[in-house]
Amino acid sequence: MPKGQRKDYSKEFKLSAVHLMKSKLFKPKEVFEMLGGIDRQTVYRWIKEYDERGESAFDPNRAVLPARELKRLKKQLADAEMENEILKKAMAYFAKQDEKK
């Protein structure tokens, strides 16, 4: 798989990996090899997610935005907030102009 692309693993696969690591029946290196050479950081992230949210952490319908989409939405929000501030200032300016007439 090309670098930078994420492979999707099933909920069952992730749960199996977490349970294998937590069982301490095998050394972590053995578990990574059994899982097909999966990156250890990935498995540790799954363990952290499991500890925080339980099995629901691996639900396929959970809302997760890709980083690129999240960055785009944050920029869009910042632009909208700036436009809103400009419009507020323009309204105040024109309201003062109407009062002077």
N, C-alpha and C. Protein backbone atom coordinates (compact mmCIF):
# COMPACT_ATOMS: atom_id res chain seq x y z
N MET A 1 0.85 -1.17 0.00
CA MET A 1 0.00 0.00 0.00
C MET A 1 0.90 1.24 0.00
N PRO A 2 0.57 2.24 -0.84
CA PRO A 2 1.38 3.45 -0.88
C PRO A 2 1.37 4.18 0.46
N LYS A 3 2.49 4.82 0.74
CA LYS A 3 2.61 5.54 2.01
C LYS A 3 1.60 6.68 2.03
N GLY A 4 0.99 6.88 3.21
CA GLY A 4 0.02 7.95 3.36
C GLY A 4 -1.42 7.50 3.19
N GLN A 5 -1.63 6.29 2.67
CA GLN A 5 -2.97 5.76 2.55
C GLN A 5 -3.27 4.89 3.75
N ARG A 6 -4.52 4.98 4.23
CA ARG A 6 -4.91 4.18 5.38
C ARG A 6 -5.70 2.98 4.91
N LYS A 7 -5.40 1.86 5.52
CA LYS A 7 -6.16 0.66 5.23
C LYS A 7 -7.29 0.57 6.25
N ASP A 8 -8.46 0.20 5.79
CA ASP A 8 -9.59 0.03 6.69
C ASP A 8 -9.61 -1.40 7.21
N TYR A 9 -9.69 -1.52 8.52
CA TYR A 9 -9.78 -2.82 9.17
C TYR A 9 -11.17 -2.95 9.77
N SER A 10 -11.67 -4.17 9.80
CA SER A 10 -13.01 -4.40 10.34
C SER A 10 -13.01 -4.22 11.86
N LYS A 11 -14.20 -4.00 12.37
CA LYS A 11 -14.36 -3.86 13.82
C LYS A 11 -13.85 -5.11 14.53
N GLU A 12 -14.17 -6.28 13.98
CA GLU A 12 -13.76 -7.54 14.58
C GLU A 12 -12.24 -7.68 14.62
N PHE A 13 -11.58 -7.25 13.53
CA PHE A 13 -10.12 -7.33 13.46
C PHE A 13 -9.50 -6.44 14.54
N LYS A 14 -10.01 -5.21 14.67
CA LYS A 14 -9.48 -4.28 15.66
C LYS A 14 -9.69 -4.81 17.07
N LEU A 15 -10.90 -5.34 17.33
CA LEU A 15 -11.18 -5.90 18.66
C LEU A 15 -10.26 -7.08 18.96
N SER A 16 -10.03 -7.93 17.96
CA SER A 16 -9.12 -9.07 18.16
C SER A 16 -7.72 -8.59 18.51
N ALA A 17 -7.27 -7.56 17.80
CA ALA A 17 -5.93 -7.03 18.06
C ALA A 17 -5.84 -6.47 19.48
N VAL A 18 -6.86 -5.73 19.88
CA VAL A 18 -6.86 -5.15 21.22
C VAL A 18 -6.87 -6.24 22.27
N HIS A 19 -7.72 -7.24 22.09
CA HIS A 19 -7.81 -8.32 23.08
C HIS A 19 -6.53 -9.14 23.15
N LEU A 20 -5.89 -9.36 22.00
CA LEU A 20 -4.61 -10.08 22.01
C LEU A 20 -3.56 -9.31 22.81
N MET A 21 -3.52 -8.00 22.61
CA MET A 21 -2.53 -7.20 23.34
C MET A 21 -2.85 -7.14 24.83
N LYS A 22 -4.12 -7.00 25.16
CA LYS A 22 -4.50 -6.88 26.56
C LYS A 22 -4.39 -8.21 27.31
N SER A 23 -4.49 -9.33 26.59
CA SER A 23 -4.44 -10.63 27.24
C SER A 23 -3.05 -10.95 27.80
N LYS A 24 -2.03 -10.33 27.21
CA LYS A 24 -0.64 -10.53 27.61
C LYS A 24 -0.19 -11.99 27.48
N LEU A 25 -0.90 -12.75 26.64
CA LEU A 25 -0.49 -14.13 26.36
C LEU A 25 0.71 -14.15 25.42
N PHE A 26 0.85 -13.09 24.65
CA PHE A 26 1.94 -12.99 23.68
C PHE A 26 2.68 -11.68 23.89
N LYS A 27 3.91 -11.67 23.47
CA LYS A 27 4.67 -10.42 23.49
C LYS A 27 4.11 -9.51 22.40
N PRO A 28 4.19 -8.20 22.61
CA PRO A 28 3.65 -7.29 21.59
C PRO A 28 4.21 -7.56 20.20
N LYS A 29 5.50 -7.84 20.11
CA LYS A 29 6.10 -8.11 18.80
C LYS A 29 5.45 -9.31 18.13
N GLU A 30 5.11 -10.33 18.90
CA GLU A 30 4.44 -11.52 18.36
C GLU A 30 3.04 -11.16 17.86
N VAL A 31 2.36 -10.32 18.61
CA VAL A 31 1.01 -9.91 18.21
C VAL A 31 1.07 -9.15 16.89
N PHE A 32 2.02 -8.23 16.75
CA PHE A 32 2.13 -7.47 15.51
C PHE A 32 2.41 -8.39 14.33
N GLU A 33 3.23 -9.41 14.55
CA GLU A 33 3.52 -10.36 13.48
C GLU A 33 2.28 -11.20 13.14
N MET A 34 1.52 -11.61 14.17
CA MET A 34 0.29 -12.38 13.94
C MET A 34 -0.73 -11.57 13.15
N LEU A 35 -0.71 -10.26 13.36
CA LEU A 35 -1.67 -9.39 12.69
C LEU A 35 -1.21 -8.98 11.29
N GLY A 36 -0.17 -9.60 10.83
CA GLY A 36 0.27 -9.32 9.46
C GLY A 36 1.23 -8.15 9.36
N GLY A 37 1.99 -7.92 10.42
CA GLY A 37 2.98 -6.86 10.38
C GLY A 37 2.39 -5.46 10.48
N ILE A 38 1.26 -5.37 11.13
CA ILE A 38 0.60 -4.06 11.31
C ILE A 38 1.51 -3.16 12.13
N ASP A 39 1.47 -1.87 11.87
CA ASP A 39 2.28 -0.91 12.60
C ASP A 39 1.87 -0.90 14.07
N ARG A 40 2.85 -0.92 14.95
CA ARG A 40 2.55 -1.00 16.38
C ARG A 40 1.80 0.24 16.87
N GLN A 41 2.11 1.40 16.30
CA GLN A 41 1.41 2.62 16.71
C GLN A 41 -0.09 2.53 16.41
N THR A 42 -0.43 1.88 15.33
CA THR A 42 -1.83 1.70 14.97
C THR A 42 -2.54 0.88 16.04
N VAL A 43 -1.92 -0.21 16.44
CA VAL A 43 -2.53 -1.07 17.45
C VAL A 43 -2.64 -0.35 18.79
N TYR A 44 -1.61 0.39 19.16
CA TYR A 44 -1.68 1.14 20.42
C TYR A 44 -2.76 2.23 20.37
N ARG A 45 -2.96 2.81 19.19
CA ARG A 45 -4.04 3.80 19.04
C ARG A 45 -5.38 3.12 19.22
N TRP A 46 -5.53 1.91 18.66
CA TRP A 46 -6.78 1.16 18.83
C TRP A 46 -7.03 0.86 20.30
N ILE A 47 -5.97 0.49 21.02
CA ILE A 47 -6.11 0.20 22.45
C ILE A 47 -6.57 1.46 23.19
N LYS A 48 -5.98 2.59 22.87
CA LYS A 48 -6.36 3.85 23.52
C LYS A 48 -7.83 4.18 23.21
N GLU A 49 -8.23 4.03 21.95
CA GLU A 49 -9.62 4.29 21.57
C GLU A 49 -10.57 3.33 22.29
N TYR A 50 -10.16 2.07 22.40
CA TYR A 50 -10.99 1.07 23.08
C TYR A 50 -11.13 1.42 24.56
N ASP A 51 -10.03 1.84 25.18
CA ASP A 51 -10.07 2.21 26.60
C ASP A 51 -10.97 3.43 26.83
N GLU A 52 -10.99 4.35 25.87
CA GLU A 52 -11.78 5.57 26.02
C GLU A 52 -13.27 5.35 25.73
N ARG A 53 -13.58 4.56 24.66
CA ARG A 53 -14.97 4.45 24.23
C ARG A 53 -15.51 3.03 24.14
N GLY A 54 -14.71 2.06 24.49
CA GLY A 54 -15.17 0.68 24.41
C GLY A 54 -15.32 0.23 22.96
N GLU A 55 -16.16 -0.77 22.75
CA GLU A 55 -16.33 -1.33 21.40
C GLU A 55 -16.90 -0.32 20.42
N SER A 56 -17.62 0.67 20.92
CA SER A 56 -18.21 1.66 20.02
C SER A 56 -17.15 2.49 19.29
N ALA A 57 -15.91 2.46 19.77
CA ALA A 57 -14.83 3.19 19.11
C ALA A 57 -14.60 2.67 17.70
N PHE A 58 -14.98 1.44 17.45
CA PHE A 58 -14.70 0.82 16.15
C PHE A 58 -15.94 0.67 15.28
N ASP A 59 -17.04 1.31 15.66
CA ASP A 59 -18.25 1.24 14.84
C ASP A 59 -17.97 1.87 13.48
N PRO A 60 -18.37 1.20 12.42
CA PRO A 60 -18.07 1.72 11.08
C PRO A 60 -18.79 3.02 10.76
N ASN A 61 -19.87 3.34 11.47
CA ASN A 61 -20.65 4.54 11.17
C ASN A 61 -20.26 5.72 12.04
N ARG A 62 -19.17 5.60 12.80
CA ARG A 62 -18.79 6.74 13.64
C ARG A 62 -18.33 7.89 12.75
N ALA A 63 -18.57 9.08 13.22
CA ALA A 63 -18.26 10.26 12.41
C ALA A 63 -16.79 10.63 12.56
N VAL A 64 -16.06 10.45 11.51
CA VAL A 64 -14.65 10.82 11.49
C VAL A 64 -14.40 11.55 10.17
N LEU A 65 -13.89 12.75 10.28
CA LEU A 65 -13.57 13.51 9.08
C LEU A 65 -12.09 13.35 8.75
N PRO A 66 -11.79 13.20 7.47
CA PRO A 66 -10.37 13.20 7.10
C PRO A 66 -9.76 14.55 7.45
N ALA A 67 -8.48 14.55 7.74
CA ALA A 67 -7.79 15.77 8.17
C ALA A 67 -7.94 16.88 7.14
N ARG A 68 -7.87 16.55 5.87
CA ARG A 68 -7.99 17.55 4.81
C ARG A 68 -9.36 18.21 4.85
N GLU A 69 -10.40 17.43 5.03
CA GLU A 69 -11.76 17.96 5.09
C GLU A 69 -11.96 18.81 6.34
N LEU A 70 -11.41 18.37 7.45
CA LEU A 70 -11.50 19.14 8.69
C LEU A 70 -10.81 20.50 8.53
N LYS A 71 -9.63 20.50 7.92
CA LYS A 71 -8.89 21.74 7.70
C LYS A 71 -9.69 22.67 6.79
N ARG A 72 -10.29 22.12 5.74
CA ARG A 72 -11.09 22.93 4.81
C ARG A 72 -12.27 23.56 5.53
N LEU A 73 -12.95 22.77 6.36
CA LEU A 73 -14.11 23.28 7.09
C LEU A 73 -13.72 24.36 8.11
N LYS A 74 -12.58 24.18 8.76
CA LYS A 74 -12.12 25.19 9.71
C LYS A 74 -11.82 26.51 9.00
N LYS A 75 -11.20 26.42 7.82
CA LYS A 75 -10.91 27.63 7.05
C LYS A 75 -12.21 28.28 6.60
N GLN A 76 -13.15 27.48 6.16
CA GLN A 76 -14.44 28.02 5.72
C GLN A 76 -15.14 28.73 6.88
N LEU A 77 -15.08 28.14 8.08
CA LEU A 77 -15.69 28.77 9.25
C LEU A 77 -15.00 30.09 9.58
N ALA A 78 -13.67 30.11 9.54
CA ALA A 78 -12.93 31.33 9.83
C ALA A 78 -13.29 32.43 8.83
N ASP A 79 -13.40 32.06 7.55
CA ASP A 79 -13.78 33.04 6.52
C ASP A 79 -15.19 33.58 6.78
N ALA A 80 -16.12 32.70 7.13
CA ALA A 80 -17.49 33.12 7.39
C ALA A 80 -17.55 34.04 8.61
N GLU A 81 -16.77 33.74 9.64
CA GLU A 81 -16.74 34.59 10.84
C GLU A 81 -16.18 35.97 10.51
N MET A 82 -15.14 36.01 9.66
CA MET A 82 -14.56 37.28 9.26
C MET A 82 -15.57 38.10 8.45
N GLU A 83 -16.25 37.45 7.52
CA GLU A 83 -17.28 38.13 6.73
C GLU A 83 -18.39 38.67 7.63
N ASN A 84 -18.76 37.90 8.63
CA ASN A 84 -19.79 38.32 9.57
C ASN A 84 -19.36 39.58 10.32
N GLU A 85 -18.11 39.62 10.75
CA GLU A 85 -17.60 40.80 11.45
C GLU A 85 -17.60 42.02 10.53
N ILE A 86 -17.21 41.83 9.28
CA ILE A 86 -17.21 42.93 8.32
C ILE A 86 -18.63 43.45 8.12
N LEU A 87 -19.59 42.54 8.00
CA LEU A 87 -20.99 42.95 7.82
C LEU A 87 -21.51 43.70 9.05
N LYS A 88 -21.13 43.26 10.24
CA LYS A 88 -21.55 43.97 11.46
C LYS A 88 -21.02 45.40 11.47
N LYS A 89 -19.75 45.55 11.10
CA LYS A 89 -19.15 46.87 11.07
C LYS A 89 -19.81 47.74 10.01
N ALA A 90 -20.11 47.16 8.85
CA ALA A 90 -20.78 47.91 7.79
C ALA A 90 -22.17 48.35 8.24
N MET A 91 -22.90 47.47 8.92
CA MET A 91 -24.23 47.82 9.41
C MET A 91 -24.14 48.98 10.41
N ALA A 92 -23.17 48.93 11.30
CA ALA A 92 -22.99 50.00 12.28
C ALA A 92 -22.64 51.31 11.59
N TYR A 93 -21.79 51.24 10.59
CA TYR A 93 -21.39 52.44 9.85
C TYR A 93 -22.60 53.06 9.15
N PHE A 94 -23.37 52.24 8.43
CA PHE A 94 -24.52 52.77 7.71
C PHE A 94 -25.63 53.23 8.65
N ALA A 95 -25.73 52.61 9.81
CA ALA A 95 -26.72 53.04 10.79
C ALA A 95 -26.36 54.45 11.30
N LYS A 96 -25.07 54.72 11.49
CA LYS A 96 -24.62 56.05 11.89
C LYS A 96 -24.89 57.07 10.79
N GLN A 97 -24.67 56.66 9.55
CA GLN A 97 -24.92 57.56 8.42
C GLN A 97 -26.38 57.94 8.33
N ASP A 98 -27.28 56.98 8.60
CA ASP A 98 -28.73 57.25 8.57
C ASP A 98 -29.11 58.19 9.68
N GLU A 99 -28.47 58.08 10.85
CA GLU A 99 -28.77 58.94 11.99
C GLU A 99 -28.37 60.39 11.71
N LYS A 100 -27.31 60.58 10.95
CA LYS A 100 -26.82 61.92 10.65
C LYS A 100 -27.77 62.67 9.69
N LYS A 101 -28.52 61.95 8.91
CA LYS A 101 -29.40 62.58 7.91
C LYS A 101 -30.62 63.15 8.51
